[in-house]
Amino acid sequence: MAGMAVLRGLLLLQGALGLTGTLGMLTLMGFNPVYAVAPVAHAALLMTLGALLERRRWALVAALVAEVLAVAGWEGQLLLGLLPQLDFTVNLTGLLTTLALPLTVLVLCARRVTARA
């Protein structure tokens, strides 16, 4: 049960960091709410999955899928950043929030899914 609490906390943290990043992006984009739709939906999904982890097995699998997509998205950004026309700056905050945190949640979810199978 303690592992589920850690997993729930990490999903909540990931959603909160996403919302914080969304506020900064909105400021840079002239407070256009169109840019907030996808990040707010992603944060709501992560927080909802975190709340449902202990009661629903599908929430654990959905969190696993969401984290696989997050890591794949980071890798896609890295590959697109190799093009001279596009820029992708790798920094410590980005590595922690978009790679290390999803990978940690991914490993914890995978352990839980295999332990329940």
PDB file of N, CA and C in Angstrom:
ATOM      1  N   MET A   1       0.810  -1.205   0.000  1.00  0.00           N
ATOM      2  CA  MET A   1       0.000   0.000   0.000  1.00  0.00           C
ATOM      3  C   MET A   1       0.853   1.270   0.000  1.00  0.00           C
ATOM      4  N   ALA A   2       2.047   1.199   0.628  1.00  0.00           N
ATOM      5  CA  ALA A   2       2.902   2.383   0.671  1.00  0.00           C
ATOM      6  C   ALA A   2       3.389   2.743  -0.728  1.00  0.00           C
ATOM      7  N   GLY A   3       3.619   1.737  -1.566  1.00  0.00           N
ATOM      8  CA  GLY A   3       4.047   1.987  -2.937  1.00  0.00           C
ATOM      9  C   GLY A   3       2.985   2.715  -3.740  1.00  0.00           C
ATOM     10  N   MET A   4       1.729   2.398  -3.467  1.00  0.00           N
ATOM     11  CA  MET A   4       0.638   3.096  -4.165  1.00  0.00           C
ATOM     12  C   MET A   4       0.569   4.554  -3.737  1.00  0.00           C
ATOM     13  N   ALA A   5       0.873   4.833  -2.474  1.00  0.00           N
ATOM     14  CA  ALA A   5       0.862   6.219  -1.999  1.00  0.00           C
ATOM     15  C   ALA A   5       1.968   7.022  -2.684  1.00  0.00           C
ATOM     16  N   VAL A   6       3.123   6.398  -2.857  1.00  0.00           N
ATOM     17  CA  VAL A   6       4.218   7.066  -3.560  1.00  0.00           C
ATOM     18  C   VAL A   6       3.839   7.312  -5.014  1.00  0.00           C
ATOM     19  N   LEU A   7       3.255   6.332  -5.633  1.00  0.00           N
ATOM     20  CA  LEU A   7       2.825   6.458  -7.026  1.00  0.00           C
ATOM     21  C   LEU A   7       1.768   7.550  -7.177  1.00  0.00           C
ATOM     22  N   ARG A   8       0.820   7.562  -6.265  1.00  0.00           N
ATOM     23  CA  ARG A   8      -0.218   8.597  -6.295  1.00  0.00           C
ATOM     24  C   ARG A   8       0.399   9.983  -6.111  1.00  0.00           C
ATOM     25  N   GLY A   9       1.359  10.105  -5.202  1.00  0.00           N
ATOM     26  CA  GLY A   9       2.026  11.384  -4.977  1.00  0.00           C
ATOM     27  C   GLY A   9       2.826  11.845  -6.183  1.00  0.00           C
ATOM     28  N   LEU A  10       3.494  10.911  -6.853  1.00  0.00           N
ATOM     29  CA  LEU A  10       4.264  11.268  -8.045  1.00  0.00           C
ATOM     30  C   LEU A  10       3.354  11.708  -9.192  1.00  0.00           C
ATOM     31  N   LEU A  11       2.213  11.048  -9.340  1.00  0.00           N
ATOM     32  CA  LEU A  11       1.263  11.474 -10.377  1.00  0.00           C
ATOM     33  C   LEU A  11       0.698  12.857 -10.062  1.00  0.00           C
ATOM     34  N   LEU A  12       0.418  13.107  -8.797  1.00  0.00           N
ATOM     35  CA  LEU A  12      -0.064  14.429  -8.390  1.00  0.00           C
ATOM     36  C   LEU A  12       1.003  15.485  -8.632  1.00  0.00           C
ATOM     37  N   LEU A  13       2.247  15.171  -8.295  1.00  0.00           N
ATOM     38  CA  LEU A  13       3.354  16.099  -8.517  1.00  0.00           C
ATOM     39  C   LEU A  13       3.541  16.384 -10.001  1.00  0.00           C
ATOM     40  N   GLN A  14       3.457  15.348 -10.815  1.00  0.00           N
ATOM     41  CA  GLN A  14       3.608  15.532 -12.257  1.00  0.00           C
ATOM     42  C   GLN A  14       2.499  16.412 -12.820  1.00  0.00           C
ATOM     43  N   GLY A  15       1.276  16.204 -12.365  1.00  0.00           N
ATOM     44  CA  GLY A  15       0.174  17.051 -12.812  1.00  0.00           C
ATOM     45  C   GLY A  15       0.337  18.491 -12.363  1.00  0.00           C
ATOM     46  N   ALA A  16       0.785  18.688 -11.126  1.00  0.00           N
ATOM     47  CA  ALA A  16       0.981  20.045 -10.608  1.00  0.00           C
ATOM     48  C   ALA A  16       2.103  20.769 -11.348  1.00  0.00           C
ATOM     49  N   LEU A  17       3.181  20.060 -11.652  1.00  0.00           N
ATOM     50  CA  LEU A  17       4.262  20.679 -12.418  1.00  0.00           C
ATOM     51  C   LEU A  17       3.802  21.031 -13.826  1.00  0.00           C
ATOM     52  N   GLY A  18       2.956  20.196 -14.401  1.00  0.00           N
ATOM     53  CA  GLY A  18       2.396  20.509 -15.719  1.00  0.00           C
ATOM     54  C   GLY A  18       1.529  21.752 -15.695  1.00  0.00           C
ATOM     55  N   LEU A  19       0.735  21.905 -14.640  1.00  0.00           N
ATOM     56  CA  LEU A  19      -0.097  23.106 -14.518  1.00  0.00           C
ATOM     57  C   LEU A  19       0.755  24.356 -14.309  1.00  0.00           C
ATOM     58  N   THR A  20       1.826  24.229 -13.556  1.00  0.00           N
ATOM     59  CA  THR A  20       2.730  25.357 -13.344  1.00  0.00           C
ATOM     60  C   THR A  20       3.394  25.773 -14.656  1.00  0.00           C
ATOM     61  N   GLY A  21       3.833  24.804 -15.430  1.00  0.00           N
ATOM     62  CA  GLY A  21       4.406  25.102 -16.737  1.00  0.00           C
ATOM     63  C   GLY A  21       3.390  25.729 -17.681  1.00  0.00           C
ATOM     64  N   THR A  22       2.138  25.309 -17.548  1.00  0.00           N
ATOM     65  CA  THR A  22       1.076  25.876 -18.383  1.00  0.00           C
ATOM     66  C   THR A  22       0.871  27.352 -18.092  1.00  0.00           C
ATOM     67  N   LEU A  23       0.962  27.730 -16.816  1.00  0.00           N
ATOM     68  CA  LEU A  23       0.824  29.151 -16.470  1.00  0.00           C
ATOM     69  C   LEU A  23       1.927  29.983 -17.117  1.00  0.00           C
ATOM     70  N   GLY A  24       3.150  29.474 -17.109  1.00  0.00           N
ATOM     71  CA  GLY A  24       4.239  30.192 -17.766  1.00  0.00           C
ATOM     72  C   GLY A  24       4.044  30.282 -19.268  1.00  0.00           C
ATOM     73  N   MET A  25       3.573  29.201 -19.860  1.00  0.00           N
ATOM     74  CA  MET A  25       3.352  29.206 -21.299  1.00  0.00           C
ATOM     75  C   MET A  25       2.227  30.173 -21.676  1.00  0.00           C
ATOM     76  N   LEU A  26       1.181  30.209 -20.869  1.00  0.00           N
ATOM     77  CA  LEU A  26       0.083  31.143 -21.138  1.00  0.00           C
ATOM     78  C   LEU A  26       0.563  32.584 -21.087  1.00  0.00           C
ATOM     79  N   THR A  27       1.446  32.875 -20.151  1.00  0.00           N
ATOM     80  CA  THR A  27       1.986  34.223 -20.047  1.00  0.00           C
ATOM     81  C   THR A  27       2.752  34.594 -21.312  1.00  0.00           C
ATOM     82  N   LEU A  28       3.554  33.669 -21.820  1.00  0.00           N
ATOM     83  CA  LEU A  28       4.331  33.951 -23.025  1.00  0.00           C
ATOM     84  C   LEU A  28       3.475  34.002 -24.287  1.00  0.00           C
ATOM     85  N   MET A  29       2.339  33.321 -24.278  1.00  0.00           N
ATOM     86  CA  MET A  29       1.473  33.270 -25.458  1.00  0.00           C
ATOM     87  C   MET A  29       0.335  34.289 -25.397  1.00  0.00           C
ATOM     88  N   GLY A  30       0.482  35.302 -24.592  1.00  0.00           N
ATOM     89  CA  GLY A  30      -0.514  36.369 -24.550  1.00  0.00           C
ATOM     90  C   GLY A  30      -1.823  35.952 -23.905  1.00  0.00           C
ATOM     91  N   PHE A  31      -1.783  35.039 -22.985  1.00  0.00           N
ATOM     92  CA  PHE A  31      -2.951  34.562 -22.235  1.00  0.00           C
ATOM     93  C   PHE A  31      -4.046  34.002 -23.142  1.00  0.00           C
ATOM     94  N   ASN A  32      -3.639  33.379 -24.237  1.00  0.00           N
ATOM     95  CA  ASN A  32      -4.575  32.727 -25.138  1.00  0.00           C
ATOM     96  C   ASN A  32      -4.932  31.356 -24.538  1.00  0.00           C
ATOM     97  N   PRO A  33      -6.200  31.146 -24.149  1.00  0.00           N
ATOM     98  CA  PRO A  33      -6.560  29.903 -23.463  1.00  0.00           C
ATOM     99  C   PRO A  33      -6.488  28.647 -24.333  1.00  0.00           C
ATOM    100  N   VAL A  34      -6.356  28.802 -25.637  1.00  0.00           N
ATOM    101  CA  VAL A  34      -6.259  27.647 -26.519  1.00  0.00           C
ATOM    102  C   VAL A  34      -5.019  26.812 -26.177  1.00  0.00           C
ATOM    103  N   TYR A  35      -3.955  27.495 -25.759  1.00  0.00           N
ATOM    104  CA  TYR A  35      -2.706  26.799 -25.437  1.00  0.00           C
ATOM    105  C   TYR A  35      -2.781  26.032 -24.121  1.00  0.00           C
ATOM    106  N   ALA A  36      -3.839  26.231 -23.348  1.00  0.00           N
ATOM    107  CA  ALA A  36      -3.953  25.565 -22.049  1.00  0.00           C
ATOM    108  C   ALA A  36      -4.802  24.305 -22.101  1.00  0.00           C
ATOM    109  N   VAL A  37      -5.496  24.051 -23.184  1.00  0.00           N
ATOM    110  CA  VAL A  37      -6.438  22.933 -23.239  1.00  0.00           C
ATOM    111  C   VAL A  37      -5.740  21.591 -23.043  1.00  0.00           C
ATOM    112  N   ALA A  38      -4.749  21.298 -23.855  1.00  0.00           N
ATOM    113  CA  ALA A  38      -4.072  19.992 -23.759  1.00  0.00           C
ATOM    114  C   ALA A  38      -3.313  19.806 -22.449  1.00  0.00           C
ATOM    115  N   PRO A  39      -2.517  20.790 -21.978  1.00  0.00           N
ATOM    116  CA  PRO A  39      -1.810  20.574 -20.711  1.00  0.00           C
ATOM    117  C   PRO A  39      -2.742  20.440 -19.505  1.00  0.00           C
ATOM    118  N   VAL A  40      -3.832  21.176 -19.487  1.00  0.00           N
ATOM    119  CA  VAL A  40      -4.780  21.065 -18.366  1.00  0.00           C
ATOM    120  C   VAL A  40      -5.487  19.714 -18.411  1.00  0.00           C
ATOM    121  N   ALA A  41      -5.827  19.250 -19.613  1.00  0.00           N
ATOM    122  CA  ALA A  41      -6.450  17.927 -19.734  1.00  0.00           C
ATOM    123  C   ALA A  41      -5.479  16.832 -19.298  1.00  0.00           C
ATOM    124  N   HIS A  42      -4.207  16.962 -19.643  1.00  0.00           N
ATOM    125  CA  HIS A  42      -3.202  15.984 -19.241  1.00  0.00           C
ATOM    126  C   HIS A  42      -3.030  15.983 -17.719  1.00  0.00           C
ATOM    127  N   ALA A  43      -2.968  17.153 -17.121  1.00  0.00           N
ATOM    128  CA  ALA A  43      -2.832  17.232 -15.665  1.00  0.00           C
ATOM    129  C   ALA A  43      -4.065  16.663 -14.970  1.00  0.00           C
ATOM    130  N   ALA A  44      -5.242  16.941 -15.499  1.00  0.00           N
ATOM    131  CA  ALA A  44      -6.461  16.387 -14.909  1.00  0.00           C
ATOM    132  C   ALA A  44      -6.488  14.868 -15.026  1.00  0.00           C
ATOM    133  N   LEU A  45      -6.020  14.351 -16.155  1.00  0.00           N
ATOM    134  CA  LEU A  45      -5.949  12.903 -16.337  1.00  0.00           C
ATOM    135  C   LEU A  45      -5.005  12.267 -15.316  1.00  0.00           C
ATOM    136  N   LEU A  46      -3.820  12.844 -15.158  1.00  0.00           N
ATOM    137  CA  LEU A  46      -2.855  12.289 -14.210  1.00  0.00           C
ATOM    138  C   LEU A  46      -3.384  12.320 -12.781  1.00  0.00           C
ATOM    139  N   MET A  47      -4.013  13.412 -12.398  1.00  0.00           N
ATOM    140  CA  MET A  47      -4.536  13.533 -11.040  1.00  0.00           C
ATOM    141  C   MET A  47      -5.716  12.589 -10.807  1.00  0.00           C
ATOM    142  N   THR A  48      -6.546  12.417 -11.816  1.00  0.00           N
ATOM    143  CA  THR A  48      -7.669  11.484 -11.701  1.00  0.00           C
ATOM    144  C   THR A  48      -7.171  10.050 -11.610  1.00  0.00           C
ATOM    145  N   LEU A  49      -6.202   9.703 -12.429  1.00  0.00           N
ATOM    146  CA  LEU A  49      -5.638   8.356 -12.364  1.00  0.00           C
ATOM    147  C   LEU A  49      -4.980   8.102 -11.011  1.00  0.00           C
ATOM    148  N   GLY A  50      -4.314   9.118 -10.477  1.00  0.00           N
ATOM    149  CA  GLY A  50      -3.708   8.978  -9.157  1.00  0.00           C
ATOM    150  C   GLY A  50      -4.739   8.706  -8.079  1.00  0.00           C
ATOM    151  N   ALA A  51      -5.901   9.321  -8.204  1.00  0.00           N
ATOM    152  CA  ALA A  51      -6.960   9.107  -7.214  1.00  0.00           C
ATOM    153  C   ALA A  51      -7.598   7.729  -7.340  1.00  0.00           C
ATOM    154  N   LEU A  52      -7.584   7.156  -8.541  1.00  0.00           N
ATOM    155  CA  LEU A  52      -8.256   5.874  -8.784  1.00  0.00           C
ATOM    156  C   LEU A  52      -7.325   4.660  -8.732  1.00  0.00           C
ATOM    157  N   LEU A  53      -6.047   4.857  -8.472  1.00  0.00           N
ATOM    158  CA  LEU A  53      -5.075   3.764  -8.556  1.00  0.00           C
ATOM    159  C   LEU A  53      -5.414   2.567  -7.688  1.00  0.00           C
ATOM    160  N   GLU A  54      -5.794   2.781  -6.449  1.00  0.00           N
ATOM    161  CA  GLU A  54      -6.018   1.664  -5.533  1.00  0.00           C
ATOM    162  C   GLU A  54      -7.318   0.922  -5.805  1.00  0.00           C
ATOM    163  N   ARG A  55      -8.298   1.632  -6.369  1.00  0.00           N
ATOM    164  CA  ARG A  55      -9.602   1.010  -6.559  1.00  0.00           C
ATOM    165  C   ARG A  55      -9.806   0.374  -7.921  1.00  0.00           C
ATOM    166  N   ARG A  56      -9.096   0.854  -8.925  1.00  0.00           N
ATOM    167  CA  ARG A  56      -9.316   0.390 -10.298  1.00  0.00           C
ATOM    168  C   ARG A  56      -8.015  -0.059 -10.947  1.00  0.00           C
ATOM    169  N   ARG A  57      -8.016  -1.274 -11.454  1.00  0.00           N
ATOM    170  CA  ARG A  57      -6.824  -1.788 -12.131  1.00  0.00           C
ATOM    171  C   ARG A  57      -6.585  -1.055 -13.447  1.00  0.00           C
ATOM    172  N   TRP A  58      -7.643  -0.671 -14.138  1.00  0.00           N
ATOM    173  CA  TRP A  58      -7.489   0.001 -15.408  1.00  0.00           C
ATOM    174  C   TRP A  58      -6.800   1.353 -15.240  1.00  0.00           C
ATOM    175  N   ALA A  59      -6.924   1.970 -14.069  1.00  0.00           N
ATOM    176  CA  ALA A  59      -6.250   3.247 -13.829  1.00  0.00           C
ATOM    177  C   ALA A  59      -4.737   3.064 -13.816  1.00  0.00           C
ATOM    178  N   LEU A  60      -4.289   1.944 -13.285  1.00  0.00           N
ATOM    179  CA  LEU A  60      -2.864   1.637 -13.276  1.00  0.00           C
ATOM    180  C   LEU A  60      -2.345   1.430 -14.695  1.00  0.00           C
ATOM    181  N   VAL A  61      -3.102   0.724 -15.504  1.00  0.00           N
ATOM    182  CA  VAL A  61      -2.716   0.491 -16.900  1.00  0.00           C
ATOM    183  C   VAL A  61      -2.774   1.805 -17.690  1.00  0.00           C
ATOM    184  N   ALA A  62      -3.782   2.627 -17.431  1.00  0.00           N
ATOM    185  CA  ALA A  62      -3.891   3.912 -18.128  1.00  0.00           C
ATOM    186  C   ALA A  62      -2.737   4.839 -17.743  1.00  0.00           C
ATOM    187  N   ALA A  63      -2.324   4.813 -16.486  1.00  0.00           N
ATOM    188  CA  ALA A  63      -1.170   5.611 -16.063  1.00  0.00           C
ATOM    189  C   ALA A  63       0.096   5.115 -16.751  1.00  0.00           C
ATOM    190  N   LEU A  64       0.206   3.817 -16.895  1.00  0.00           N
ATOM    191  CA  LEU A  64       1.349   3.230 -17.594  1.00  0.00           C
ATOM    192  C   LEU A  64       1.391   3.706 -19.049  1.00  0.00           C
ATOM    193  N   VAL A  65       0.254   3.687 -19.708  1.00  0.00           N
ATOM    194  CA  VAL A  65       0.180   4.141 -21.104  1.00  0.00           C
ATOM    195  C   VAL A  65       0.485   5.631 -21.209  1.00  0.00           C
ATOM    196  N   ALA A  66      -0.048   6.434 -20.280  1.00  0.00           N
ATOM    197  CA  ALA A  66       0.197   7.882 -20.302  1.00  0.00           C
ATOM    198  C   ALA A  66       1.685   8.181 -20.138  1.00  0.00           C
ATOM    199  N   GLU A  67       2.356   7.436 -19.290  1.00  0.00           N
ATOM    200  CA  GLU A  67       3.784   7.676 -19.077  1.00  0.00           C
ATOM    201  C   GLU A  67       4.617   7.197 -20.264  1.00  0.00           C
ATOM    202  N   VAL A  68       4.215   6.117 -20.912  1.00  0.00           N
ATOM    203  CA  VAL A  68       4.913   5.681 -22.124  1.00  0.00           C
ATOM    204  C   VAL A  68       4.794   6.762 -23.197  1.00  0.00           C
ATOM    205  N   LEU A  69       3.609   7.345 -23.335  1.00  0.00           N
ATOM    206  CA  LEU A  69       3.420   8.419 -24.312  1.00  0.00           C
ATOM    207  C   LEU A  69       4.228   9.656 -23.947  1.00  0.00           C
ATOM    208  N   ALA A  70       4.349   9.956 -22.650  1.00  0.00           N
ATOM    209  CA  ALA A  70       5.133  11.112 -22.218  1.00  0.00           C
ATOM    210  C   ALA A  70       6.609  10.928 -22.556  1.00  0.00           C
ATOM    211  N   VAL A  71       7.145   9.742 -22.297  1.00  0.00           N
ATOM    212  CA  VAL A  71       8.554   9.472 -22.614  1.00  0.00           C
ATOM    213  C   VAL A  71       8.763   9.461 -24.130  1.00  0.00           C
ATOM    214  N   ALA A  72       7.825   8.901 -24.873  1.00  0.00           N
ATOM    215  CA  ALA A  72       7.933   8.897 -26.335  1.00  0.00           C
ATOM    216  C   ALA A  72       7.864  10.329 -26.883  1.00  0.00           C
ATOM    217  N   GLY A  73       7.038  11.165 -26.273  1.00  0.00           N
ATOM    218  CA  GLY A  73       6.965  12.563 -26.692  1.00  0.00           C
ATOM    219  C   GLY A  73       8.269  13.302 -26.460  1.00  0.00           C
ATOM    220  N   TRP A  74       8.923  13.019 -25.326  1.00  0.00           N
ATOM    221  CA  TRP A  74      10.218  13.650 -25.055  1.00  0.00           C
ATOM    222  C   TRP A  74      11.254  13.208 -26.082  1.00  0.00           C
ATOM    223  N   GLU A  75      11.252  11.926 -26.387  1.00  0.00           N
ATOM    224  CA  GLU A  75      12.196  11.419 -27.380  1.00  0.00           C
ATOM    225  C   GLU A  75      11.914  12.008 -28.762  1.00  0.00           C
ATOM    226  N   GLY A  76      10.643  12.177 -29.085  1.00  0.00           N
ATOM    227  CA  GLY A  76      10.281  12.803 -30.356  1.00  0.00           C
ATOM    228  C   GLY A  76      10.744  14.252 -30.433  1.00  0.00           C
ATOM    229  N   GLN A  77      10.595  14.984 -29.323  1.00  0.00           N
ATOM    230  CA  GLN A  77      11.086  16.362 -29.293  1.00  0.00           C
ATOM    231  C   GLN A  77      12.594  16.410 -29.467  1.00  0.00           C
ATOM    232  N   LEU A  78      13.280  15.472 -28.842  1.00  0.00           N
ATOM    233  CA  LEU A  78      14.737  15.425 -28.951  1.00  0.00           C
ATOM    234  C   LEU A  78      15.154  15.156 -30.401  1.00  0.00           C
ATOM    235  N   LEU A  79      14.481  14.227 -31.066  1.00  0.00           N
ATOM    236  CA  LEU A  79      14.808  13.924 -32.456  1.00  0.00           C
ATOM    237  C   LEU A  79      14.479  15.093 -33.384  1.00  0.00           C
ATOM    238  N   LEU A  80      13.328  15.745 -33.155  1.00  0.00           N
ATOM    239  CA  LEU A  80      12.985  16.905 -33.979  1.00  0.00           C
ATOM    240  C   LEU A  80      13.941  18.068 -33.737  1.00  0.00           C
ATOM    241  N   GLY A  81      14.487  18.148 -32.530  1.00  0.00           N
ATOM    242  CA  GLY A  81      15.447  19.205 -32.221  1.00  0.00           C
ATOM    243  C   GLY A  81      16.753  19.060 -32.971  1.00  0.00           C
ATOM    244  N   LEU A  82      17.000  17.900 -33.567  1.00  0.00           N
ATOM    245  CA  LEU A  82      18.202  17.718 -34.377  1.00  0.00           C
ATOM    246  C   LEU A  82      18.118  18.446 -35.714  1.00  0.00           C
ATOM    247  N   LEU A  83      16.893  18.760 -36.141  1.00  0.00           N
ATOM    248  CA  LEU A  83      16.725  19.520 -37.380  1.00  0.00           C
ATOM    249  C   LEU A  83      17.189  20.952 -37.159  1.00  0.00           C
ATOM    250  N   PRO A  84      17.871  21.538 -38.122  1.00  0.00           N
ATOM    251  CA  PRO A  84      18.390  22.905 -37.926  1.00  0.00           C
ATOM    252  C   PRO A  84      17.285  23.961 -37.782  1.00  0.00           C
ATOM    253  N   GLN A  85      16.112  23.692 -38.335  1.00  0.00           N
ATOM    254  CA  GLN A  85      15.039  24.679 -38.268  1.00  0.00           C
ATOM    255  C   GLN A  85      14.352  24.713 -36.908  1.00  0.00           C
ATOM    256  N   LEU A  86      14.454  23.642 -36.170  1.00  0.00           N
ATOM    257  CA  LEU A  86      13.772  23.534 -34.886  1.00  0.00           C
ATOM    258  C   LEU A  86      14.785  23.543 -33.754  1.00  0.00           C
ATOM    259  N   ASP A  87      14.329  24.002 -32.605  1.00  0.00           N
ATOM    260  CA  ASP A  87      15.229  24.085 -31.461  1.00  0.00           C
ATOM    261  C   ASP A  87      14.612  23.350 -30.283  1.00  0.00           C
ATOM    262  N   PHE A  88      15.406  22.559 -29.606  1.00  0.00           N
ATOM    263  CA  PHE A  88      14.984  21.867 -28.391  1.00  0.00           C
ATOM    264  C   PHE A  88      16.118  21.980 -27.385  1.00  0.00           C
ATOM    265  N   THR A  89      15.898  22.765 -26.356  1.00  0.00           N
ATOM    266  CA  THR A  89      16.919  22.977 -25.344  1.00  0.00           C
ATOM    267  C   THR A  89      16.732  21.970 -24.223  1.00  0.00           C
ATOM    268  N   VAL A  90      17.759  21.213 -23.938  1.00  0.00           N
ATOM    269  CA  VAL A  90      17.727  20.249 -22.848  1.00  0.00           C
ATOM    270  C   VAL A  90      18.325  20.926 -21.615  1.00  0.00           C
ATOM    271  N   ASN A  91      17.529  20.979 -20.532  1.00  0.00           N
ATOM    272  CA  ASN A  91      18.026  21.530 -19.281  1.00  0.00           C
ATOM    273  C   ASN A  91      17.636  20.607 -18.136  1.00  0.00           C
ATOM    274  N   LEU A  92      18.135  20.886 -16.955  1.00  0.00           N
ATOM    275  CA  LEU A  92      17.918  19.999 -15.823  1.00  0.00           C
ATOM    276  C   LEU A  92      16.444  19.919 -15.439  1.00  0.00           C
ATOM    277  N   THR A  93      15.754  21.038 -15.428  1.00  0.00           N
ATOM    278  CA  THR A  93      14.335  21.028 -15.077  1.00  0.00           C
ATOM    279  C   THR A  93      13.533  20.206 -16.067  1.00  0.00           C
ATOM    280  N   GLY A  94      13.817  20.376 -17.344  1.00  0.00           N
ATOM    281  CA  GLY A  94      13.125  19.599 -18.365  1.00  0.00           C
ATOM    282  C   GLY A  94      13.402  18.118 -18.248  1.00  0.00           C
ATOM    283  N   LEU A  95      14.652  17.778 -17.958  1.00  0.00           N
ATOM    284  CA  LEU A  95      14.998  16.366 -17.795  1.00  0.00           C
ATOM    285  C   LEU A  95      14.277  15.749 -16.602  1.00  0.00           C
ATOM    286  N   LEU A  96      14.188  16.485 -15.519  1.00  0.00           N
ATOM    287  CA  LEU A  96      13.533  15.953 -14.323  1.00  0.00           C
ATOM    288  C   LEU A  96      12.026  15.826 -14.507  1.00  0.00           C
ATOM    289  N   THR A  97      11.397  16.847 -15.090  1.00  0.00           N
ATOM    290  CA  THR A  97       9.934  16.845 -15.162  1.00  0.00           C
ATOM    291  C   THR A  97       9.371  16.090 -16.359  1.00  0.00           C
ATOM    292  N   THR A  98      10.120  16.025 -17.453  1.00  0.00           N
ATOM    293  CA  THR A  98       9.570  15.375 -18.640  1.00  0.00           C
ATOM    294  C   THR A  98      10.214  14.040 -18.969  1.00  0.00           C
ATOM    295  N   LEU A  99      11.271  13.672 -18.238  1.00  0.00           N
ATOM    296  CA  LEU A  99      11.885  12.381 -18.487  1.00  0.00           C
ATOM    297  C   LEU A  99      12.026  11.551 -17.207  1.00  0.00           C
ATOM    298  N   ALA A 100      12.684  12.091 -16.192  1.00  0.00           N
ATOM    299  CA  ALA A 100      12.951  11.306 -14.975  1.00  0.00           C
ATOM    300  C   ALA A 100      11.662  10.970 -14.216  1.00  0.00           C
ATOM    301  N   LEU A 101      10.789  11.942 -14.039  1.00  0.00           N
ATOM    302  CA  LEU A 101       9.540  11.696 -13.315  1.00  0.00           C
ATOM    303  C   LEU A 101       8.638  10.705 -14.054  1.00  0.00           C
ATOM    304  N   PRO A 102       8.400  10.872 -15.367  1.00  0.00           N
ATOM    305  CA  PRO A 102       7.610   9.857 -16.068  1.00  0.00           C
ATOM    306  C   PRO A 102       8.252   8.478 -16.080  1.00  0.00           C
ATOM    307  N   LEU A 103       9.577   8.408 -16.200  1.00  0.00           N
ATOM    308  CA  LEU A 103      10.240   7.101 -16.169  1.00  0.00           C
ATOM    309  C   LEU A 103      10.078   6.430 -14.803  1.00  0.00           C
ATOM    310  N   THR A 104      10.158   7.211 -13.742  1.00  0.00           N
ATOM    311  CA  THR A 104       9.968   6.661 -12.395  1.00  0.00           C
ATOM    312  C   THR A 104       8.561   6.114 -12.225  1.00  0.00           C
ATOM    313  N   VAL A 105       7.573   6.896 -12.652  1.00  0.00           N
ATOM    314  CA  VAL A 105       6.182   6.446 -12.558  1.00  0.00           C
ATOM    315  C   VAL A 105       5.961   5.235 -13.450  1.00  0.00           C
ATOM    316  N   LEU A 106       6.581   5.232 -14.610  1.00  0.00           N
ATOM    317  CA  LEU A 106       6.473   4.103 -15.539  1.00  0.00           C
ATOM    318  C   LEU A 106       6.996   2.817 -14.902  1.00  0.00           C
ATOM    319  N   VAL A 107       8.146   2.883 -14.259  1.00  0.00           N
ATOM    320  CA  VAL A 107       8.721   1.699 -13.622  1.00  0.00           C
ATOM    321  C   VAL A 107       7.839   1.226 -12.464  1.00  0.00           C
ATOM    322  N   LEU A 108       7.358   2.161 -11.647  1.00  0.00           N
ATOM    323  CA  LEU A 108       6.498   1.787 -10.519  1.00  0.00           C
ATOM    324  C   LEU A 108       5.182   1.172 -10.991  1.00  0.00           C
ATOM    325  N   CYS A 109       4.596   1.746 -12.049  1.00  0.00           N
ATOM    326  CA  CYS A 109       3.347   1.184 -12.594  1.00  0.00           C
ATOM    327  C   CYS A 109       3.590  -0.203 -13.176  1.00  0.00           C
ATOM    328  N   ALA A 110       4.696  -0.373 -13.893  1.00  0.00           N
ATOM    329  CA  ALA A 110       4.995  -1.672 -14.489  1.00  0.00           C
ATOM    330  C   ALA A 110       5.192  -2.732 -13.409  1.00  0.00           C
ATOM    331  N   ARG A 111       5.840  -2.367 -12.317  1.00  0.00           N
ATOM    332  CA  ARG A 111       6.013  -3.319 -11.211  1.00  0.00           C
ATOM    333  C   ARG A 111       4.675  -3.706 -10.605  1.00  0.00           C
ATOM    334  N   ARG A 112       3.794  -2.733 -10.446  1.00  0.00           N
ATOM    335  CA  ARG A 112       2.471  -3.017  -9.868  1.00  0.00           C
ATOM    336  C   ARG A 112       1.638  -3.890 -10.787  1.00  0.00           C
ATOM    337  N   VAL A 113       1.692  -3.607 -12.088  1.00  0.00           N
ATOM    338  CA  VAL A 113       0.900  -4.403 -13.032  1.00  0.00           C
ATOM    339  C   VAL A 113       1.390  -5.848 -13.057  1.00  0.00           C
ATOM    340  N   THR A 114       2.704  -6.035 -13.082  1.00  0.00           N
ATOM    341  CA  THR A 114       3.227  -7.408 -13.119  1.00  0.00           C
ATOM    342  C   THR A 114       3.012  -8.124 -11.783  1.00  0.00           C
ATOM    343  N   ALA A 115       3.002  -7.393 -10.682  1.00  0.00           N
ATOM    344  CA  ALA A 115       2.771  -8.014  -9.379  1.00  0.00           C
ATOM    345  C   ALA A 115       1.319  -8.474  -9.230  1.00  0.00           C
ATOM    346  N   ARG A 116       0.388  -7.762  -9.869  1.00  0.00           N
ATOM    347  CA  ARG A 116      -1.028  -8.126  -9.778  1.00  0.00           C
ATOM    348  C   ARG A 116      -1.407  -9.199 -10.770  1.00  0.00           C
ATOM    349  N   ALA A 117      -0.605  -9.396 -11.796  1.00  0.00           N
ATOM    350  CA  ALA A 117      -0.974 -10.362 -12.845  1.00  0.00           C
ATOM    351  C   ALA A 117      -0.853 -11.786 -12.382  1.00  0.00           C
TER     352      ALA A 117
END
